[in-house]
N, C-alpha and C. Protein backbone atom coordinates (compact mmCIF):
# COMPACT_ATOMS: atom_id res chain seq x y z
N MET A 1 18.77 3.06 2.85
CA MET A 1 18.87 4.43 3.05
C MET A 1 18.46 5.18 1.73
N LEU A 2 18.69 4.64 0.61
CA LEU A 2 18.28 5.29 -0.68
C LEU A 2 16.78 5.44 -0.69
N THR A 3 16.07 4.47 -0.30
CA THR A 3 14.58 4.49 -0.29
C THR A 3 14.05 5.60 0.53
N PHE A 4 14.70 5.82 1.77
CA PHE A 4 14.22 6.93 2.65
C PHE A 4 14.47 8.25 1.92
N ASN A 5 15.58 8.40 1.28
CA ASN A 5 15.85 9.71 0.59
C ASN A 5 14.85 9.90 -0.58
N ILE A 6 14.50 8.88 -1.20
CA ILE A 6 13.52 8.98 -2.33
C ILE A 6 12.14 9.46 -1.75
N ILE A 7 11.77 8.82 -0.67
CA ILE A 7 10.46 9.12 -0.05
C ILE A 7 10.51 10.64 0.43
N ALA A 8 11.64 10.98 1.04
CA ALA A 8 11.69 12.36 1.52
C ALA A 8 11.62 13.38 0.30
N ALA A 9 12.22 12.98 -0.80
CA ALA A 9 12.13 13.84 -1.98
C ALA A 9 10.65 13.88 -2.55
N ILE A 10 9.98 12.78 -2.46
CA ILE A 10 8.57 12.79 -2.87
C ILE A 10 7.76 13.69 -2.01
N LEU A 11 8.02 13.68 -0.70
CA LEU A 11 7.24 14.47 0.19
C LEU A 11 7.48 15.92 -0.04
N ARG A 12 8.80 16.30 -0.19
CA ARG A 12 9.10 17.69 -0.37
C ARG A 12 8.54 18.22 -1.75
N SER A 13 8.61 17.41 -2.78
CA SER A 13 8.06 17.88 -4.13
C SER A 13 6.60 17.97 -4.19
N THR A 14 5.84 17.33 -3.28
CA THR A 14 4.42 17.25 -3.48
C THR A 14 3.66 18.07 -2.33
N MET A 15 4.39 18.49 -1.30
CA MET A 15 3.67 19.26 -0.25
C MET A 15 3.59 20.74 -0.64
N THR A 16 2.57 21.33 -0.20
CA THR A 16 2.45 22.79 -0.33
C THR A 16 3.00 23.39 0.94
N ASP A 17 3.21 24.73 0.90
CA ASP A 17 3.78 25.42 2.08
C ASP A 17 2.82 25.39 3.26
N ALA A 18 1.54 25.47 2.98
CA ALA A 18 0.55 25.66 4.02
C ALA A 18 -0.06 24.28 4.51
N VAL A 19 0.10 23.28 3.65
CA VAL A 19 -0.69 22.07 4.00
C VAL A 19 0.29 20.89 4.16
N THR A 20 0.14 20.27 5.32
CA THR A 20 0.88 19.03 5.55
C THR A 20 -0.07 18.03 6.09
N ASP A 21 0.17 16.72 5.66
CA ASP A 21 -0.76 15.68 6.02
C ASP A 21 -0.30 14.99 7.29
N ASP A 22 -1.22 14.43 8.03
CA ASP A 22 -0.89 13.60 9.20
C ASP A 22 -0.81 12.15 8.57
N HIS A 23 0.39 11.70 8.33
CA HIS A 23 0.60 10.37 7.70
C HIS A 23 0.34 9.14 8.58
N PHE A 24 -0.02 9.44 9.79
CA PHE A 24 -0.24 8.31 10.74
C PHE A 24 -1.77 7.98 10.86
N THR A 25 -2.58 8.75 10.21
CA THR A 25 -4.07 8.45 10.20
C THR A 25 -4.31 7.60 8.92
N ALA A 26 -5.47 7.01 8.85
CA ALA A 26 -5.85 6.16 7.69
C ALA A 26 -5.89 7.05 6.46
N PRO A 27 -6.57 8.22 6.37
CA PRO A 27 -6.56 9.01 5.23
C PRO A 27 -5.14 9.55 4.86
N GLY A 28 -4.45 9.94 5.91
CA GLY A 28 -3.03 10.39 5.61
C GLY A 28 -2.13 9.40 5.00
N ALA A 29 -2.21 8.17 5.60
CA ALA A 29 -1.41 7.03 5.09
C ALA A 29 -1.77 6.72 3.59
N LYS A 30 -3.06 6.71 3.36
CA LYS A 30 -3.61 6.38 2.00
C LYS A 30 -3.10 7.49 1.07
N ALA A 31 -3.18 8.72 1.44
CA ALA A 31 -2.69 9.83 0.58
C ALA A 31 -1.24 9.73 0.26
N LEU A 32 -0.46 9.37 1.28
CA LEU A 32 0.99 9.12 1.10
C LEU A 32 1.26 7.93 0.12
N ALA A 33 0.57 6.83 0.28
CA ALA A 33 0.68 5.72 -0.58
C ALA A 33 0.28 6.14 -2.02
N ASP A 34 -0.75 6.87 -2.20
CA ASP A 34 -1.18 7.34 -3.54
C ASP A 34 -0.06 8.26 -4.12
N ARG A 35 0.47 9.14 -3.33
CA ARG A 35 1.52 10.06 -3.81
C ARG A 35 2.79 9.24 -4.24
N ILE A 36 3.21 8.22 -3.47
CA ILE A 36 4.38 7.41 -3.86
C ILE A 36 4.05 6.62 -5.18
N THR A 37 2.84 6.05 -5.23
CA THR A 37 2.44 5.37 -6.43
C THR A 37 2.48 6.22 -7.67
N SER A 38 1.93 7.48 -7.54
CA SER A 38 1.96 8.41 -8.65
C SER A 38 3.31 8.75 -9.09
N TYR A 39 4.21 9.01 -8.06
CA TYR A 39 5.65 9.35 -8.30
C TYR A 39 6.28 8.32 -9.21
N TRP A 40 6.13 7.07 -8.84
CA TRP A 40 6.90 6.01 -9.52
C TRP A 40 6.27 5.71 -10.88
N ARG A 41 4.89 5.73 -10.91
CA ARG A 41 4.23 5.46 -12.26
C ARG A 41 4.55 6.56 -13.30
N SER A 42 4.80 7.76 -12.84
CA SER A 42 5.08 8.84 -13.78
C SER A 42 6.46 8.70 -14.28
N ARG A 43 7.26 7.87 -13.71
CA ARG A 43 8.65 7.59 -14.12
C ARG A 43 8.76 6.23 -14.83
N GLY A 44 7.63 5.63 -15.09
CA GLY A 44 7.63 4.40 -15.89
C GLY A 44 7.66 3.08 -15.10
N TYR A 45 7.55 3.18 -13.77
CA TYR A 45 7.64 1.96 -12.91
C TYR A 45 6.19 1.49 -12.64
N TYR A 46 5.58 0.80 -13.52
CA TYR A 46 4.17 0.42 -13.43
C TYR A 46 3.86 -0.73 -12.49
N GLY A 47 4.98 -1.36 -12.07
CA GLY A 47 4.86 -2.48 -11.16
C GLY A 47 4.82 -2.13 -9.66
N VAL A 48 4.88 -0.82 -9.33
CA VAL A 48 4.96 -0.40 -7.98
C VAL A 48 3.61 -0.71 -7.27
N LYS A 49 3.70 -1.25 -6.06
CA LYS A 49 2.55 -1.47 -5.23
C LYS A 49 2.85 -0.87 -3.81
N VAL A 50 1.90 -0.03 -3.34
CA VAL A 50 2.02 0.59 -2.09
C VAL A 50 0.73 0.40 -1.39
N TRP A 51 0.70 -0.04 -0.10
CA TRP A 51 -0.52 -0.27 0.62
C TRP A 51 -0.39 0.20 2.07
N THR A 52 -1.47 0.43 2.76
CA THR A 52 -1.47 0.88 4.11
C THR A 52 -1.74 -0.34 5.02
N PHE A 53 -1.34 -0.21 6.27
CA PHE A 53 -1.62 -1.27 7.27
C PHE A 53 -1.77 -0.57 8.61
N ARG A 54 -2.54 -1.28 9.49
CA ARG A 54 -2.80 -0.73 10.78
C ARG A 54 -1.67 -1.14 11.79
N ILE A 55 -1.28 -0.27 12.64
CA ILE A 55 -0.37 -0.51 13.70
C ILE A 55 -1.00 -0.15 15.04
N THR A 56 -0.91 -1.15 15.99
CA THR A 56 -1.51 -0.94 17.25
C THR A 56 -0.72 -1.53 18.38
N ASP A 57 -0.65 -0.89 19.45
CA ASP A 57 0.06 -1.47 20.62
C ASP A 57 -0.93 -1.80 21.74
N GLY A 58 -2.21 -1.83 21.40
CA GLY A 58 -3.25 -2.10 22.43
C GLY A 58 -3.91 -0.88 22.93
N GLU A 59 -3.18 0.21 22.96
CA GLU A 59 -3.77 1.46 23.46
C GLU A 59 -4.03 2.52 22.39
N SER A 60 -3.07 2.51 21.41
CA SER A 60 -3.20 3.54 20.36
C SER A 60 -3.20 2.84 19.06
N LEU A 61 -3.63 3.64 18.07
CA LEU A 61 -3.78 3.10 16.65
C LEU A 61 -3.23 4.14 15.72
N CYS A 62 -2.43 3.68 14.87
CA CYS A 62 -1.93 4.51 13.74
C CYS A 62 -1.71 3.63 12.54
N TYR A 63 -1.40 4.24 11.42
CA TYR A 63 -1.30 3.55 10.11
C TYR A 63 0.08 3.79 9.50
N GLY A 64 0.54 2.82 8.83
CA GLY A 64 1.79 2.90 8.08
C GLY A 64 1.62 2.42 6.63
N ILE A 65 2.72 2.53 5.90
CA ILE A 65 2.66 2.01 4.49
C ILE A 65 3.75 0.97 4.28
N ARG A 66 3.48 0.12 3.31
CA ARG A 66 4.49 -0.88 2.88
C ARG A 66 4.45 -0.81 1.31
N SER A 67 5.55 -1.33 0.81
CA SER A 67 5.60 -1.32 -0.67
C SER A 67 6.44 -2.51 -1.14
N ASN A 68 6.44 -2.65 -2.44
CA ASN A 68 7.29 -3.62 -3.09
C ASN A 68 8.58 -2.98 -3.63
N ILE A 69 8.96 -1.87 -3.10
CA ILE A 69 10.19 -1.14 -3.54
C ILE A 69 11.37 -1.90 -2.87
N ARG A 70 12.33 -2.29 -3.62
CA ARG A 70 13.49 -3.06 -3.12
C ARG A 70 14.72 -2.42 -3.67
N ASN A 71 15.68 -2.23 -2.81
CA ASN A 71 17.00 -1.56 -3.24
C ASN A 71 16.75 -0.28 -3.93
N GLY A 72 15.84 0.53 -3.46
CA GLY A 72 15.53 1.84 -3.96
C GLY A 72 14.62 1.94 -5.11
N PHE A 73 14.24 0.90 -5.75
CA PHE A 73 13.34 0.94 -6.96
C PHE A 73 12.32 -0.11 -6.90
N PRO A 74 11.07 0.13 -7.46
CA PRO A 74 10.09 -0.82 -7.54
C PRO A 74 10.23 -1.64 -8.90
N PRO A 75 9.51 -2.72 -9.07
CA PRO A 75 9.63 -3.41 -10.34
C PRO A 75 9.17 -2.42 -11.45
N ARG A 76 9.68 -2.59 -12.65
CA ARG A 76 9.34 -1.72 -13.72
C ARG A 76 7.97 -2.15 -14.31
N PHE A 77 7.62 -3.44 -14.35
CA PHE A 77 6.40 -3.90 -14.95
C PHE A 77 5.54 -4.62 -13.98
N LYS A 78 4.34 -4.81 -14.19
CA LYS A 78 3.36 -5.39 -13.21
C LYS A 78 3.70 -6.86 -12.93
N ASN A 79 4.22 -7.63 -13.80
CA ASN A 79 4.50 -9.00 -13.63
C ASN A 79 5.85 -9.30 -12.96
N GLU A 80 6.66 -8.32 -12.75
CA GLU A 80 7.97 -8.51 -12.18
C GLU A 80 7.87 -8.65 -10.62
N ARG A 81 8.82 -9.21 -10.06
CA ARG A 81 8.87 -9.28 -8.57
C ARG A 81 9.93 -8.34 -8.03
């Protein structure tokens, strides 16, 4: 639950009033992944990894993100797990 709250805070702090992204498209998911990566790296967590992946049920296609964030925090350094 903590991770969801952090992601919600990131989205609130980086969105403008007039612009919202469609996070289910490839460019939108990539923008969200970049935003999350920037958030954590600016706080000294250089081991964060966030990537996009395709989701399909045979009829529709959308994109999601995954990360190495565990228990609410990513690794602090690149070589940590």
